[in-house]
Amino acid sequence: MAETRANGMAIAVIDDGRVAYVQAYGARNAKGDPLQTDTVMYGASLTKTVMAYSTLTLVDQGKLDLDAPLADYLDRPLLSYGEARFTLQLLR
């Protein structure tokens, strides 16, 4: 935290799909209130990195082809899902 000048950070360790450890460190605001494990924090573009890493991991495992249309991995046409979430076949 000192090196990056971060005021606070939270850590969660996930082991085999279960939360094994959660801890918060530092302050959550300018007043110096302590950061809690349930404090909502701005994630910036972290999700882009996680998505890219996850996608390329599936490519390395041979479960995803970057040149294949996404429709190839769906049970039915994308528009038929409406607002509901859909499950990609490769994640089953």
C-alpha atoms as a PDB file:
ATOM      1  CA  MET A   1       0.000   0.000   0.000  1.00  0.00           C
ATOM      2  CA  ALA A   2       2.831   2.378   0.798  1.00  0.00           C
ATOM      3  CA  GLU A   3       4.516   1.845  -2.573  1.00  0.00           C
ATOM      4  CA  THR A   4       1.332   2.582  -4.553  1.00  0.00           C
ATOM      5  CA  ARG A   5       0.070   5.197  -2.076  1.00  0.00           C
ATOM      6  CA  ALA A   6      -3.200   3.303  -1.726  1.00  0.00           C
ATOM      7  CA  ASN A   7      -5.332   4.385   1.231  1.00  0.00           C
ATOM      8  CA  GLY A   8      -6.815   0.939   1.637  1.00  0.00           C
ATOM      9  CA  MET A   9      -7.224  -2.484   0.112  1.00  0.00           C
ATOM     10  CA  ALA A  10      -9.281  -5.599   0.612  1.00  0.00           C
ATOM     11  CA  ILE A  11      -8.140  -9.140  -0.053  1.00  0.00           C
ATOM     12  CA  ALA A  12     -10.187 -12.282  -0.623  1.00  0.00           C
ATOM     13  CA  VAL A  13      -8.642 -15.704  -1.122  1.00  0.00           C
ATOM     14  CA  ILE A  14     -10.850 -18.172  -2.969  1.00  0.00           C
ATOM     15  CA  ASP A  15      -9.907 -21.834  -2.603  1.00  0.00           C
ATOM     16  CA  ASP A  16     -11.793 -24.440  -4.599  1.00  0.00           C
ATOM     17  CA  GLY A  17     -14.733 -22.088  -5.105  1.00  0.00           C
ATOM     18  CA  ARG A  18     -15.006 -21.138  -1.439  1.00  0.00           C
ATOM     19  CA  VAL A  19     -13.973 -17.949   0.312  1.00  0.00           C
ATOM     20  CA  ALA A  20     -11.067 -19.039   2.508  1.00  0.00           C
ATOM     21  CA  TYR A  21      -9.911 -15.639   3.796  1.00  0.00           C
ATOM     22  CA  VAL A  22     -11.160 -12.049   3.691  1.00  0.00           C
ATOM     23  CA  GLN A  23      -9.420  -9.045   5.213  1.00  0.00           C
ATOM     24  CA  ALA A  24      -9.507  -5.272   4.744  1.00  0.00           C
ATOM     25  CA  TYR A  25      -6.652  -2.890   5.458  1.00  0.00           C
ATOM     26  CA  GLY A  26      -6.341   0.883   5.675  1.00  0.00           C
ATOM     27  CA  ALA A  27      -8.863   3.681   5.317  1.00  0.00           C
ATOM     28  CA  ARG A  28     -12.007   3.837   3.197  1.00  0.00           C
ATOM     29  CA  ASN A  29     -12.272   7.622   2.941  1.00  0.00           C
ATOM     30  CA  ALA A  30     -10.517  10.937   3.572  1.00  0.00           C
ATOM     31  CA  LYS A  31     -11.832  11.015   7.153  1.00  0.00           C
ATOM     32  CA  GLY A  32      -9.799   7.891   7.861  1.00  0.00           C
ATOM     33  CA  ASP A  33     -12.742   5.579   8.576  1.00  0.00           C
ATOM     34  CA  PRO A  34     -11.451   2.004   8.497  1.00  0.00           C
ATOM     35  CA  LEU A  35     -12.004  -0.023   5.377  1.00  0.00           C
ATOM     36  CA  GLN A  36     -14.394  -2.912   6.038  1.00  0.00           C
ATOM     37  CA  THR A  37     -14.659  -6.194   4.146  1.00  0.00           C
ATOM     38  CA  ASP A  38     -18.122  -5.152   2.937  1.00  0.00           C
ATOM     39  CA  THR A  39     -17.070  -1.653   1.770  1.00  0.00           C
ATOM     40  CA  VAL A  40     -18.104  -1.041  -1.843  1.00  0.00           C
ATOM     41  CA  MET A  41     -15.053   0.095  -3.812  1.00  0.00           C
ATOM     42  CA  TYR A  42     -14.583   1.435  -7.311  1.00  0.00           C
ATOM     43  CA  GLY A  43     -13.098  -1.335  -9.456  1.00  0.00           C
ATOM     44  CA  ALA A  44     -11.982   0.812 -12.400  1.00  0.00           C
ATOM     45  CA  SER A  45     -11.283  -1.426 -15.388  1.00  0.00           C
ATOM     46  CA  LEU A  46     -10.290  -4.471 -13.363  1.00  0.00           C
ATOM     47  CA  THR A  47     -13.110  -6.507 -14.887  1.00  0.00           C
ATOM     48  CA  LYS A  48     -11.549  -6.100 -18.339  1.00  0.00           C
ATOM     49  CA  THR A  49      -8.328  -7.683 -17.109  1.00  0.00           C
ATOM     50  CA  VAL A  50     -10.161 -10.528 -15.384  1.00  0.00           C
ATOM     51  CA  MET A  51     -12.265 -11.188 -18.494  1.00  0.00           C
ATOM     52  CA  ALA A  52      -9.190 -11.195 -20.744  1.00  0.00           C
ATOM     53  CA  TYR A  53      -7.292 -13.525 -18.400  1.00  0.00           C
ATOM     54  CA  SER A  54     -10.273 -15.891 -18.101  1.00  0.00           C
ATOM     55  CA  THR A  55     -10.813 -15.921 -21.861  1.00  0.00           C
ATOM     56  CA  LEU A  56      -7.186 -16.665 -22.645  1.00  0.00           C
ATOM     57  CA  THR A  57      -7.114 -19.385 -19.978  1.00  0.00           C
ATOM     58  CA  LEU A  58     -10.026 -21.071 -21.794  1.00  0.00           C
ATOM     59  CA  VAL A  59      -8.100 -20.707 -25.057  1.00  0.00           C
ATOM     60  CA  ASP A  60      -5.030 -22.361 -23.484  1.00  0.00           C
ATOM     61  CA  GLN A  61      -7.260 -25.209 -22.252  1.00  0.00           C
ATOM     62  CA  GLY A  62      -8.619 -25.715 -25.769  1.00  0.00           C
ATOM     63  CA  LYS A  63     -12.167 -24.856 -24.642  1.00  0.00           C
ATOM     64  CA  LEU A  64     -12.449 -21.630 -26.643  1.00  0.00           C
ATOM     65  CA  ASP A  65     -11.396 -20.634 -30.134  1.00  0.00           C
ATOM     66  CA  LEU A  66     -10.902 -16.891 -30.531  1.00  0.00           C
ATOM     67  CA  ASP A  67     -11.751 -17.175 -34.233  1.00  0.00           C
ATOM     68  CA  ALA A  68     -15.073 -18.985 -33.667  1.00  0.00           C
ATOM     69  CA  PRO A  69     -18.307 -16.967 -33.511  1.00  0.00           C
ATOM     70  CA  LEU A  70     -19.776 -16.632 -30.016  1.00  0.00           C
ATOM     71  CA  ALA A  71     -23.018 -18.105 -31.389  1.00  0.00           C
ATOM     72  CA  ASP A  72     -21.209 -21.437 -31.765  1.00  0.00           C
ATOM     73  CA  TYR A  73     -21.050 -21.690 -27.955  1.00  0.00           C
ATOM     74  CA  LEU A  74     -24.712 -20.873 -27.257  1.00  0.00           C
ATOM     75  CA  ASP A  75     -27.581 -23.349 -26.958  1.00  0.00           C
ATOM     76  CA  ARG A  76     -29.846 -21.064 -29.016  1.00  0.00           C
ATOM     77  CA  PRO A  77     -29.659 -17.683 -30.793  1.00  0.00           C
ATOM     78  CA  LEU A  78     -28.503 -14.848 -28.527  1.00  0.00           C
ATOM     79  CA  LEU A  79     -31.627 -12.724 -29.088  1.00  0.00           C
ATOM     80  CA  SER A  80     -33.854 -15.537 -27.839  1.00  0.00           C
ATOM     81  CA  TYR A  81     -32.395 -15.143 -24.336  1.00  0.00           C
ATOM     82  CA  GLY A  82     -33.945 -11.681 -23.882  1.00  0.00           C
ATOM     83  CA  GLU A  83     -32.933 -10.114 -20.588  1.00  0.00           C
ATOM     84  CA  ALA A  84     -32.075 -13.455 -19.000  1.00  0.00           C
ATOM     85  CA  ARG A  85     -28.509 -14.579 -18.534  1.00  0.00           C
ATOM     86  CA  PHE A  86     -27.190 -17.288 -20.804  1.00  0.00           C
ATOM     87  CA  THR A  87     -24.721 -20.070 -20.100  1.00  0.00           C
ATOM     88  CA  LEU A  88     -21.898 -20.789 -22.474  1.00  0.00           C
ATOM     89  CA  GLN A  89     -21.453 -24.448 -23.263  1.00  0.00           C
ATOM     90  CA  LEU A  90     -17.725 -24.263 -22.603  1.00  0.00           C
ATOM     91  CA  LEU A  91     -18.277 -23.330 -18.954  1.00  0.00           C
ATOM     92  CA  ARG A  92     -20.348 -26.413 -18.128  1.00  0.00           C
END
